[in-house]
Protein backbone atom coordinates (compact mmCIF):
# COMPACT_ATOMS: atom_id res chain seq x y z
CA MET A 1 -48.94 -1.48 24.32
CA ALA A 2 -47.73 -4.64 22.60
CA LEU A 3 -50.20 -7.29 21.52
CA THR A 4 -50.12 -10.73 23.07
CA ALA A 5 -49.47 -13.65 20.74
CA ARG A 6 -53.17 -14.56 20.92
CA GLN A 7 -54.25 -11.00 20.05
CA ALA A 8 -51.79 -10.87 17.14
CA GLN A 9 -53.08 -14.20 15.83
CA TYR A 10 -56.70 -12.98 16.06
CA ARG A 11 -55.84 -9.71 14.32
CA GLU A 12 -54.19 -11.69 11.52
CA TYR A 13 -57.31 -13.88 11.25
CA LEU A 14 -59.52 -10.80 10.88
CA HIS A 15 -57.53 -9.89 7.75
CA SER A 16 -57.84 -13.37 6.20
CA PRO A 17 -59.87 -14.19 3.07
CA ARG A 18 -61.90 -16.67 5.14
CA TRP A 19 -63.02 -13.95 7.58
CA ARG A 20 -63.87 -11.56 4.71
CA VAL A 21 -66.16 -14.18 3.16
CA LEU A 22 -67.69 -15.15 6.49
CA ARG A 23 -68.29 -11.51 7.43
CA TRP A 24 -69.99 -10.86 4.07
CA LEU A 25 -72.19 -13.96 4.43
CA ARG A 26 -73.25 -13.00 7.97
CA LYS A 27 -74.26 -9.51 6.84
CA VAL A 28 -76.27 -10.99 3.96
CA LEU A 29 -78.04 -13.44 6.29
CA ASP A 30 -78.83 -10.58 8.67
CA LEU A 31 -80.18 -8.49 5.76
CA GLY A 32 -77.53 -5.81 6.29
CA ALA A 33 -78.95 -4.61 9.60
CA CYS A 34 -77.89 -4.58 13.24
CA GLN A 35 -79.71 -7.43 14.93
CA ASP A 36 -79.72 -5.85 18.41
CA CYS A 37 -81.25 -2.64 17.04
CA LEU A 38 -83.90 -4.67 15.20
CA LYS A 39 -84.91 -6.27 18.50
CA ARG A 40 -85.57 -2.75 19.80
CA GLY A 41 -87.57 -1.77 16.72
CA ARG A 42 -84.84 0.24 14.98
CA ILE A 43 -83.21 -0.42 11.63
CA THR A 44 -79.51 0.44 11.64
CA ARG A 45 -77.55 -0.20 8.46
CA HIS A 46 -74.46 1.95 9.01
CA GLY A 47 -71.20 1.09 10.77
CA LEU A 48 -71.96 -2.63 10.69
CA GLN A 49 -69.55 -5.12 12.23
CA VAL A 50 -69.70 -8.86 12.70
CA HIS A 51 -69.43 -10.12 16.26
CA HIS A 52 -68.45 -13.60 17.46
CA ASN A 53 -70.95 -14.68 20.12
CA THR A 54 -68.32 -17.12 21.39
CA TYR A 55 -64.91 -17.97 20.02
CA ARG A 56 -65.42 -21.76 20.17
CA ASN A 57 -66.02 -22.07 16.43
CA LYS A 58 -63.40 -19.55 15.22
CA GLY A 59 -61.35 -21.24 12.53
CA GLY A 60 -63.40 -24.45 12.73
CA SER A 61 -66.13 -25.35 10.29
CA LEU A 62 -67.32 -22.41 8.21
CA GLU A 63 -70.93 -23.24 9.04
CA GLY A 64 -70.23 -23.47 12.77
CA GLU A 65 -68.44 -20.13 12.81
CA LEU A 66 -71.05 -18.48 10.60
CA PHE A 67 -73.86 -19.40 12.98
CA ASP A 68 -71.81 -18.25 15.97
CA THR A 69 -71.72 -14.67 14.63
CA VAL A 70 -74.17 -11.78 14.43
CA THR A 71 -74.26 -8.43 12.61
CA LEU A 72 -74.14 -5.42 14.94
CA CYS A 73 -73.70 -1.67 14.58
CA ALA A 74 -70.60 -0.21 16.23
CA ASP A 75 -72.56 0.97 19.30
CA CYS A 76 -74.23 -2.39 19.93
CA HIS A 77 -70.92 -4.17 19.33
CA ALA A 78 -69.26 -1.98 21.96
CA LYS A 79 -72.08 -2.76 24.40
CA ARG A 80 -71.66 -6.49 23.79
CA HIS A 81 -68.02 -6.10 24.82
CA GLY A 82 -68.96 -4.08 27.91
CA LYS A 83 -67.67 -0.81 26.51
CA ALA A 84 -69.51 2.50 26.38
CA ALA A 85 -71.22 3.24 23.11
CA ARG A 86 -70.37 6.48 21.33
CA ASN A 87 -73.80 7.96 22.02
CA ASP A 88 -74.02 7.00 25.71
């Protein structure tokens, strides 16, 4: 299946130096742990990904985008996108 222009642009953004720095900063601010798991009393530090809560700030101010993101494990990230987690 071919990507739409919007999907291709987003994929390119995810490989940018800006996103690498932003992703690193978010993980540092979240102490290298999944924030959804922490809310449930678990500490998950493996398979971490950075999730945009909204896409309004993507590519805007670094501060705005940084505070519109959260660190999640792969399972919680899948749940946020309405997909089944690996362990479900």
